[in-house]
Amino acid sequence: MTVERAILAFAGVMVLLSLALTYYVHPNFVWLTAFVGANLFQSAFSGFCPAAMVLKKMFGLPTEAEKARAA
């Protein structure tokens, strides 16, 4: 798994979790969904994603470019 794939999986889990929390716990959890969406939107344009840095440091996941160079 690469950092890019892990980010997509993490974002999907966070959206589903926040929607479940919104439904079962409190309607204000919808703001977590909005935050995840806004973070994905800004990272598409800026290339900056804090979660990518955390995943790379914590789990040592390679980027797509690093994986392609190794092959």
Protein backbone atom coordinates (compact mmCIF):
# COMPACT_ATOMS: atom_id res chain seq x y z
CA MET A 1 0.00 0.00 0.00
CA THR A 2 1.20 3.48 -0.81
CA VAL A 3 0.63 6.78 0.98
CA GLU A 4 -1.82 7.90 -1.69
CA ARG A 5 -3.94 4.75 -1.34
CA ALA A 6 -3.81 4.97 2.46
CA ILE A 7 -5.06 8.58 2.32
CA LEU A 8 -8.03 7.55 0.19
CA ALA A 9 -8.87 4.71 2.58
CA PHE A 10 -8.45 6.94 5.64
CA ALA A 11 -10.64 9.68 4.16
CA GLY A 12 -13.34 7.16 3.27
CA VAL A 13 -13.35 5.70 6.77
CA MET A 14 -13.49 9.16 8.33
CA VAL A 15 -16.44 10.21 6.16
CA LEU A 16 -18.38 7.04 6.97
CA LEU A 17 -17.52 7.33 10.68
CA SER A 18 -18.57 10.97 10.82
CA LEU A 19 -21.84 10.21 9.05
CA ALA A 20 -22.59 7.41 11.52
CA LEU A 21 -21.75 9.72 14.43
CA THR A 22 -23.99 12.40 12.93
CA TYR A 23 -26.89 9.97 12.68
CA TYR A 24 -26.48 8.12 15.99
CA VAL A 25 -24.82 10.63 18.34
CA HIS A 26 -25.32 14.29 17.43
CA PRO A 27 -26.06 16.29 14.26
CA ASN A 28 -23.04 18.54 14.78
CA PHE A 29 -20.73 15.68 13.80
CA VAL A 30 -21.58 16.67 10.23
CA TRP A 31 -18.83 19.28 10.66
CA LEU A 32 -16.28 16.46 10.80
CA THR A 33 -17.50 15.35 7.37
CA ALA A 34 -17.16 18.92 6.13
CA PHE A 35 -13.63 19.17 7.54
CA VAL A 36 -12.53 15.94 5.83
CA GLY A 37 -14.01 17.12 2.53
CA ALA A 38 -12.39 20.54 2.80
CA ASN A 39 -9.02 18.94 3.58
CA LEU A 40 -9.30 16.66 0.55
CA PHE A 41 -10.26 19.63 -1.63
CA GLN A 42 -7.37 21.84 -0.52
CA SER A 43 -4.84 18.99 -0.81
CA ALA A 44 -5.92 18.40 -4.41
CA PHE A 45 -4.79 21.92 -5.28
CA SER A 46 -1.90 22.50 -2.90
CA GLY A 47 -0.44 19.02 -2.62
CA PHE A 48 -0.17 19.51 1.15
CA CYS A 49 -1.84 16.80 3.25
CA PRO A 50 -1.00 16.53 6.96
CA ALA A 51 -2.38 12.98 7.09
CA ALA A 52 0.06 11.90 4.37
CA MET A 53 3.01 13.13 6.41
CA VAL A 54 1.73 11.31 9.50
CA LEU A 55 1.12 8.05 7.62
CA LYS A 56 4.55 8.21 5.99
CA LYS A 57 6.34 8.78 9.30
CA MET A 58 4.28 6.37 11.41
CA PHE A 59 4.06 3.45 9.00
CA GLY A 60 6.88 4.13 6.56
CA LEU A 61 4.58 3.82 3.56
CA PRO A 62 6.19 4.65 0.20
CA THR A 63 4.71 7.15 -2.22
CA GLU A 64 3.62 6.07 -5.71
CA ALA A 65 6.77 7.70 -7.12
CA GLU A 66 9.05 5.84 -4.70
CA LYS A 67 7.34 2.56 -5.50
CA ALA A 68 7.71 3.17 -9.25
CA ARG A 69 11.42 3.94 -8.88
CA ALA A 70 11.98 0.73 -6.92
CA ALA A 71 10.32 -1.45 -9.59
